[in-house]
Amino acid sequence: MIKRCSKYSLVFIFIIMAIAITANITYADSAISQSNEDIPSNWAKAEIDKAIEYNLLPEKLQGAYRVNITREEFSEVAVNLYEALSGKQGILQGENSFTDTQNIKVRIANSLGIVNGIGDGKFAPNDAVTRQEISVMLYRTLQAAKPGYDYSDLYNHKFADYDMISSWAREAVSYLFGIEVINGVGDNLFSPRGNTSREQAIVLANRMHEKVLASPNNLIASRDGTSRRESDMNLKLAKLISQEMGKPYQWGGTGPDSYDCSGLVYSLYGKLGISLPRVARSQAEVGTYVPKEELAYGDLVFFARDGENVNHVGIFVGNGEFVHAPQTGDVVKKTTLMSGYYERVYYTAKRVIK
């Protein structure tokens, strides 16, 4: 009887020990998982450490780095950035314009012109911040802190989703991309309506801070891009192209109702004030040579059916496509440059917009 009780006691003890060990492992794993959430990603850690050192990061945002940052949270970062860049204290001015937040930093950011409400006296403090919104907030922060900078010479990069960027955000996106504060998300996309995580927002603020530290008198575009003049020309060209899409091919045609390939190019670039020869073979002899992998919007692309003599021309419009008037029975349209017939007979490219 005693042996049987001892046996049962030992079994009971082993069960209790197993439960305790399992619980400890479970809770230990949970603790590790929880702490990992508060550790920034490897690519962001160094810049977040600097942001903390520069006092850009409010203490309450020092954790949960991978969640989306809210409008209220980034307002606090923006005010800290303004104070670091300007050397001035952000001052609360006037009555609170918002009914849904009492946050002092939001009110200061609003008085500085960094943030606005969404209408009806609302700020939406808990809404996530999109990539185009954070670009505008950062740009306005810099303008408020450094009003003496020259913001007129913008550089633009033609993202494949450029048309998805709201008109009110394009200047900010262009400027920040030009000075290498913000990047795309891959495949030449900007993803303007994508949300921004805390760590992404902090990294952007720190980059802005370090750019100003390195160049206190002005910021100059440091990335290859398109000058404002080129951008204006490209926008005009895009509008002109849109007006000609779908018009029929006509050999010898220069518009306005029909075109051949070189006639389309001759007419559109003439409207931009760029005088070109009339035929494709001669058009290929002007401008600056551009490698195929470096094609930009508005570059002229030429084709040679026999591999030697240019017999066709089109206008590169990005995303691996060009606009042209192909042949009798066809219309002005977009065609891919990356596969099929036109990939095989591609000959060269020239840049005439400068």
Protein backbone atom coordinates (compact mmCIF):
# COMPACT_ATOMS: atom_id res chain seq x y z
CA MET A 1 0.00 0.00 0.00
CA ILE A 2 2.82 2.39 0.91
CA LYS A 3 4.68 1.53 -2.30
CA ARG A 4 1.54 2.13 -4.34
CA CYS A 5 1.05 5.56 -2.70
CA SER A 6 4.68 6.42 -3.26
CA LYS A 7 4.32 5.44 -6.92
CA TYR A 8 1.24 7.64 -7.34
CA SER A 9 3.00 10.49 -5.51
CA LEU A 10 5.96 10.32 -7.86
CA VAL A 11 3.66 10.35 -10.92
CA PHE A 12 1.76 13.33 -9.51
CA ILE A 13 5.03 15.20 -8.87
CA PHE A 14 6.25 14.55 -12.40
CA ILE A 15 2.94 15.86 -13.85
CA ILE A 16 3.17 19.05 -11.79
CA MET A 17 6.78 19.57 -12.86
CA ALA A 18 5.88 19.07 -16.53
CA ILE A 19 3.06 21.59 -16.30
CA ALA A 20 5.34 24.12 -14.60
CA ILE A 21 8.09 23.68 -17.19
CA THR A 22 5.62 24.02 -20.07
CA ALA A 23 4.14 27.15 -18.53
CA ASN A 24 7.58 28.67 -18.07
CA ILE A 25 8.51 27.95 -21.67
CA THR A 26 5.22 29.40 -22.91
CA TYR A 27 5.55 32.56 -20.85
CA ALA A 28 9.22 32.90 -21.76
CA ASP A 29 8.36 32.69 -25.46
CA SER A 30 5.62 35.27 -24.98
CA ALA A 31 8.04 37.59 -23.22
CA ILE A 32 10.57 37.21 -26.04
CA SER A 33 7.87 37.83 -28.65
CA GLN A 34 6.64 40.90 -26.83
CA SER A 35 10.13 42.33 -26.46
CA ASN A 36 10.85 41.70 -30.16
CA GLU A 37 7.92 43.93 -31.08
CA ASP A 38 9.68 46.77 -29.29
CA ILE A 39 12.96 46.18 -31.14
CA PRO A 40 13.27 48.07 -34.43
CA SER A 41 14.05 46.23 -37.66
CA ASN A 42 17.75 45.85 -38.43
CA TRP A 43 17.61 48.38 -41.29
CA ALA A 44 16.07 51.03 -38.98
CA LYS A 45 17.88 50.52 -35.67
CA ALA A 46 20.89 52.78 -36.22
CA GLU A 47 18.76 55.70 -37.41
CA ILE A 48 16.24 55.27 -34.60
CA ASP A 49 19.09 55.35 -32.09
CA LYS A 50 20.24 58.63 -33.63
CA ALA A 51 16.70 60.03 -33.57
CA ILE A 52 16.53 59.33 -29.84
CA GLU A 53 19.93 60.98 -29.38
CA TYR A 54 18.73 64.07 -31.29
CA ASN A 55 15.56 64.15 -29.16
CA LEU A 56 13.34 63.71 -32.21
CA LEU A 57 11.46 60.78 -30.77
CA PRO A 58 8.90 61.21 -27.96
CA GLU A 59 9.34 58.63 -25.22
CA LYS A 60 5.89 57.15 -25.75
CA LEU A 61 6.86 56.20 -29.32
CA GLN A 62 9.96 54.33 -28.24
CA GLY A 63 8.46 50.89 -28.78
CA ALA A 64 6.02 49.00 -31.02
CA TYR A 65 8.07 50.32 -33.93
CA ARG A 66 6.39 48.21 -36.59
CA VAL A 67 2.82 49.42 -36.08
CA ASN A 68 1.44 52.19 -38.28
CA ILE A 69 2.14 55.67 -36.99
CA THR A 70 -0.89 57.88 -36.40
CA ARG A 71 -1.46 61.50 -37.36
CA GLU A 72 -1.19 62.59 -33.74
CA GLU A 73 2.00 60.61 -33.16
CA PHE A 74 3.75 61.99 -36.21
CA SER A 75 2.68 65.52 -35.29
CA GLU A 76 4.73 65.09 -32.13
CA VAL A 77 7.73 63.87 -34.12
CA ALA A 78 7.31 66.78 -36.57
CA VAL A 79 7.30 69.40 -33.82
CA ASN A 80 10.44 67.88 -32.27
CA LEU A 81 12.06 67.91 -35.71
CA TYR A 82 11.06 71.55 -36.25
CA GLU A 83 12.60 72.54 -32.92
CA ALA A 84 15.82 70.64 -33.70
CA LEU A 85 16.14 72.19 -37.19
CA SER A 86 15.17 75.75 -36.28
CA GLY A 87 16.66 75.98 -32.81
CA LYS A 88 13.35 77.50 -31.70
CA GLN A 89 10.71 76.30 -29.31
CA GLY A 90 7.36 75.47 -30.86
CA ILE A 91 4.82 77.88 -29.39
CA LEU A 92 1.14 77.18 -28.82
CA GLN A 93 -0.94 79.87 -30.47
CA GLY A 94 -4.66 80.62 -30.39
CA GLU A 95 -7.59 78.43 -29.55
CA ASN A 96 -7.78 74.73 -30.30
CA SER A 97 -9.16 74.26 -33.82
CA PHE A 98 -10.04 70.62 -33.24
CA THR A 99 -12.79 68.92 -31.25
CA ASP A 100 -11.28 65.44 -31.30
CA THR A 101 -7.84 66.08 -29.78
CA GLN A 102 -6.33 68.22 -27.04
CA ASN A 103 -2.77 67.22 -27.88
CA ILE A 104 -0.49 70.24 -27.49
CA LYS A 105 1.97 69.11 -30.17
CA VAL A 106 -0.86 68.70 -32.69
CA ARG A 107 -1.98 72.25 -31.99
CA ILE A 108 1.58 73.57 -32.35
CA ALA A 109 2.06 71.65 -35.61
CA ASN A 110 -1.19 73.12 -36.88
CA SER A 111 -0.16 76.68 -35.99
CA LEU A 112 3.17 76.11 -37.79
CA GLY A 113 1.34 75.00 -40.92
CA ILE A 114 2.72 71.46 -40.72
CA VAL A 115 -0.64 69.70 -40.34
CA ASN A 116 -4.26 70.52 -41.11
CA GLY A 117 -7.59 69.10 -40.06
CA ILE A 118 -9.83 66.90 -42.18
CA GLY A 119 -12.85 69.23 -41.96
CA ASP A 120 -15.73 69.92 -39.56
CA GLY A 121 -13.28 70.78 -36.79
CA LYS A 122 -11.83 67.26 -36.80
CA PHE A 123 -8.17 66.20 -36.88
CA ALA A 124 -8.59 62.39 -36.88
CA PRO A 125 -5.67 61.88 -34.47
CA ASN A 126 -5.78 58.09 -34.60
CA ASP A 127 -5.85 57.73 -38.38
CA ALA A 128 -2.81 56.17 -40.02
CA VAL A 129 -0.48 58.39 -42.05
CA THR A 130 0.01 57.56 -45.73
CA ARG A 131 3.32 57.89 -47.56
CA GLN A 132 2.16 60.96 -49.48
CA GLU A 133 0.80 62.58 -46.30
CA ILE A 134 4.03 62.07 -44.39
CA SER A 135 5.96 63.51 -47.34
CA VAL A 136 3.88 66.68 -47.15
CA MET A 137 4.24 66.92 -43.36
CA LEU A 138 8.02 66.56 -43.56
CA TYR A 139 8.26 69.08 -46.38
CA ARG A 140 6.18 71.61 -44.45
CA THR A 141 8.27 70.99 -41.34
CA LEU A 142 11.42 71.84 -43.27
CA GLN A 143 9.81 74.94 -44.80
CA ALA A 144 8.69 76.15 -41.37
CA ALA A 145 12.12 75.53 -39.83
CA LYS A 146 14.19 76.76 -42.79
CA PRO A 147 12.21 79.47 -44.61
CA GLY A 148 15.43 80.80 -46.17
CA TYR A 149 16.07 77.64 -48.19
CA ASP A 150 15.53 77.73 -51.94
CA TYR A 151 12.60 75.42 -52.73
CA SER A 152 12.15 76.55 -56.33
CA ASP A 153 14.51 74.16 -58.12
CA LEU A 154 12.60 70.93 -57.70
CA TYR A 155 13.71 67.59 -59.04
CA ASN A 156 11.11 65.08 -60.16
CA HIS A 157 11.31 61.37 -60.69
CA LYS A 158 8.60 59.79 -62.79
CA PHE A 159 7.36 56.92 -60.62
CA ALA A 160 5.31 54.34 -62.48
CA ASP A 161 2.37 55.21 -60.18
CA TYR A 162 2.94 58.98 -60.47
CA ASP A 163 -0.69 59.51 -61.48
CA MET A 164 -1.76 58.00 -58.15
CA ILE A 165 0.10 60.69 -56.19
CA SER A 166 -2.34 63.45 -55.26
CA SER A 167 -1.62 66.83 -56.86
CA TRP A 168 -1.19 68.44 -53.43
CA ALA A 169 1.58 65.95 -52.56
CA ARG A 170 3.64 65.84 -55.77
CA GLU A 171 5.90 68.78 -54.94
CA ALA A 172 6.74 67.34 -51.52
CA VAL A 173 7.36 63.84 -52.87
CA SER A 174 9.56 65.22 -55.65
CA TYR A 175 11.61 67.36 -53.28
CA LEU A 176 12.14 64.67 -50.65
CA PHE A 177 13.02 62.09 -53.28
CA GLY A 178 15.49 64.50 -54.87
CA ILE A 179 17.36 65.08 -51.59
CA GLU A 180 17.26 61.34 -50.81
CA VAL A 181 15.08 61.54 -47.71
CA ILE A 182 12.34 59.30 -49.10
CA ASN A 183 12.57 56.40 -51.54
CA GLY A 184 10.22 54.31 -53.60
CA VAL A 185 8.98 50.88 -52.56
CA GLY A 186 10.50 48.96 -55.48
CA ASP A 187 9.68 48.41 -59.17
CA ASN A 188 9.73 52.21 -59.61
CA LEU A 189 6.60 52.55 -57.46
CA PHE A 190 5.98 55.11 -54.70
CA SER A 191 2.77 53.65 -53.22
CA PRO A 192 1.40 57.06 -52.16
CA ARG A 193 -1.57 55.63 -50.26
CA GLY A 194 0.41 53.00 -48.41
CA ASN A 195 0.62 53.48 -44.65
CA THR A 196 3.79 54.42 -42.77
CA SER A 197 5.07 52.49 -39.77
CA ARG A 198 6.56 54.17 -36.73
CA GLU A 199 10.06 53.05 -37.61
CA GLN A 200 9.70 54.27 -41.20
CA ALA A 201 8.48 57.67 -40.02
CA ILE A 202 11.29 58.00 -37.48
CA VAL A 203 13.91 57.11 -40.09
CA LEU A 204 12.52 59.77 -42.46
CA ALA A 205 12.63 62.43 -39.73
CA ASN A 206 16.20 61.48 -38.82
CA ARG A 207 17.32 61.60 -42.46
CA MET A 208 15.86 65.08 -42.79
CA HIS A 209 17.66 66.17 -39.63
CA GLU A 210 21.00 64.81 -40.83
CA LYS A 211 20.60 66.41 -44.27
CA VAL A 212 20.18 69.82 -42.65
CA LEU A 213 23.09 69.24 -40.27
CA ALA A 214 25.31 68.45 -43.25
CA SER A 215 24.09 71.42 -45.32
CA PRO A 216 22.73 74.16 -43.02
CA ASN A 217 22.43 76.88 -45.70
CA ASN A 218 20.44 75.01 -48.32
CA LEU A 219 19.62 71.51 -49.53
CA ILE A 220 20.58 70.56 -53.06
CA ALA A 221 19.11 67.60 -54.92
CA SER A 222 21.62 64.79 -54.64
CA ARG A 223 19.82 62.16 -56.65
CA ASP A 224 19.57 61.87 -60.41
CA GLY A 225 16.21 63.17 -61.48
CA THR A 226 14.43 65.56 -63.72
CA SER A 227 14.72 69.33 -63.42
CA ARG A 228 11.61 71.42 -62.99
CA ARG A 229 11.87 72.57 -66.63
CA GLU A 230 12.08 68.97 -67.82
CA SER A 231 9.17 68.05 -65.58
CA ASP A 232 7.03 70.87 -66.99
CA MET A 233 7.92 69.80 -70.51
CA ASN A 234 7.02 66.19 -69.71
CA LEU A 235 3.68 67.21 -68.27
CA LYS A 236 2.93 69.24 -71.41
CA LEU A 237 4.02 66.33 -73.57
CA ALA A 238 1.78 63.93 -71.63
CA LYS A 239 -1.19 66.24 -72.19
CA LEU A 240 -0.41 66.54 -75.91
CA ILE A 241 -0.06 62.77 -76.27
CA SER A 242 -3.40 62.16 -74.55
CA GLN A 243 -5.10 64.35 -77.15
CA GLU A 244 -3.73 62.29 -80.05
CA MET A 245 -4.38 58.79 -78.77
CA GLY A 246 -6.63 56.76 -81.05
CA LYS A 247 -6.15 58.92 -84.14
CA PRO A 248 -5.55 56.94 -87.35
CA TYR A 249 -2.24 56.29 -89.06
CA GLN A 250 -1.77 58.09 -92.38
CA TRP A 251 1.47 57.91 -94.34
CA GLY A 252 2.91 61.44 -94.56
CA GLY A 253 0.47 62.72 -91.89
CA THR A 254 1.53 65.40 -89.43
CA GLY A 255 -1.89 66.01 -87.85
CA PRO A 256 -4.11 67.21 -86.58
CA ASP A 257 -6.39 64.34 -87.62
CA SER A 258 -3.90 61.62 -88.61
CA TYR A 259 -0.19 60.85 -88.39
CA ASP A 260 2.62 58.65 -89.52
CA CYS A 261 5.28 57.71 -86.94
CA SER A 262 7.72 60.54 -87.50
CA GLY A 263 4.91 63.00 -88.22
CA LEU A 264 3.52 62.41 -84.71
CA VAL A 265 6.94 63.05 -83.14
CA TYR A 266 7.61 66.05 -85.39
CA SER A 267 4.25 67.64 -84.52
CA LEU A 268 4.22 67.05 -80.75
CA TYR A 269 7.79 68.17 -80.12
CA GLY A 270 7.23 71.18 -82.36
CA LYS A 271 4.43 72.22 -79.97
CA LEU A 272 6.98 72.00 -77.15
CA GLY A 273 9.26 74.38 -79.03
CA ILE A 274 11.68 71.61 -80.04
CA SER A 275 12.44 71.62 -83.76
CA LEU A 276 13.12 68.15 -85.17
CA PRO A 277 13.74 66.81 -88.66
CA ARG A 278 10.65 65.45 -90.41
CA VAL A 279 11.60 61.77 -90.97
CA ALA A 280 12.58 59.09 -88.47
CA ARG A 281 16.00 58.39 -89.98
CA SER A 282 17.00 62.06 -89.58
CA GLN A 283 15.38 62.36 -86.14
CA ALA A 284 17.67 59.55 -84.96
CA GLU A 285 20.67 61.74 -85.73
CA VAL A 286 19.81 64.50 -83.24
CA GLY A 287 19.73 64.58 -79.44
CA THR A 288 21.80 62.71 -76.87
CA TYR A 289 22.19 58.94 -76.96
CA VAL A 290 20.42 57.10 -74.10
CA PRO A 291 21.05 53.43 -73.19
CA LYS A 292 17.87 51.38 -73.19
CA GLU A 293 18.10 50.71 -69.46
CA GLU A 294 18.20 54.47 -68.76
CA LEU A 295 15.19 55.53 -70.82
CA ALA A 296 13.13 58.36 -69.33
CA TYR A 297 9.76 59.84 -70.16
CA GLY A 298 9.85 61.72 -73.47
CA ASP A 299 12.92 60.00 -74.92
CA LEU A 300 12.63 59.07 -78.60
CA VAL A 301 12.98 55.35 -79.36
CA PHE A 302 13.98 54.17 -82.83
CA PHE A 303 13.59 50.87 -84.61
CA ALA A 304 15.34 49.27 -87.59
CA ARG A 305 13.59 46.37 -89.26
CA ASP A 306 16.80 45.25 -90.96
CA GLY A 307 18.98 46.02 -87.94
CA GLU A 308 20.77 48.87 -89.72
CA ASN A 309 18.40 51.48 -91.16
CA VAL A 310 15.93 53.33 -88.94
CA ASN A 311 12.40 52.95 -90.24
CA HIS A 312 10.21 53.73 -87.19
CA VAL A 313 10.10 56.06 -84.18
CA GLY A 314 8.05 56.41 -81.00
CA ILE A 315 7.97 58.30 -77.69
CA PHE A 316 8.94 56.49 -74.49
CA VAL A 317 6.31 57.05 -71.77
CA GLY A 318 7.63 54.89 -68.95
CA ASN A 319 6.75 51.46 -67.60
CA GLY A 320 8.46 49.84 -70.61
CA GLU A 321 5.99 51.39 -73.07
CA PHE A 322 6.13 53.86 -75.95
CA VAL A 323 3.51 55.79 -77.93
CA HIS A 324 3.59 55.68 -81.72
CA ALA A 325 1.61 55.67 -84.94
CA PRO A 326 2.35 52.11 -86.10
CA GLN A 327 1.08 51.43 -89.62
CA THR A 328 -1.79 51.70 -92.10
CA GLY A 329 -5.03 50.49 -90.54
CA ASP A 330 -3.80 51.16 -87.01
CA VAL A 331 -4.06 54.13 -84.60
CA VAL A 332 -1.84 56.14 -82.27
CA LYS A 333 -1.41 53.91 -79.23
CA LYS A 334 0.87 52.54 -76.51
CA THR A 335 2.95 49.42 -77.15
CA THR A 336 5.40 47.54 -74.97
CA LEU A 337 9.08 47.88 -75.68
CA MET A 338 9.99 44.87 -73.57
CA SER A 339 8.76 41.97 -75.67
CA GLY A 340 7.54 40.96 -79.11
CA TYR A 341 8.31 42.60 -82.44
CA TYR A 342 9.45 45.98 -81.13
CA GLU A 343 11.87 44.44 -78.65
CA ARG A 344 13.47 42.51 -81.54
CA VAL A 345 13.83 45.50 -83.88
CA TYR A 346 14.75 48.11 -81.23
CA TYR A 347 17.73 50.12 -82.51
CA THR A 348 18.57 53.16 -80.38
CA ALA A 349 17.18 56.07 -78.31
CA LYS A 350 17.81 59.81 -78.17
CA ARG A 351 16.98 62.44 -75.56
CA VAL A 352 15.85 65.78 -76.94
CA ILE A 353 14.19 67.28 -73.84
CA LYS A 354 16.87 68.98 -71.73
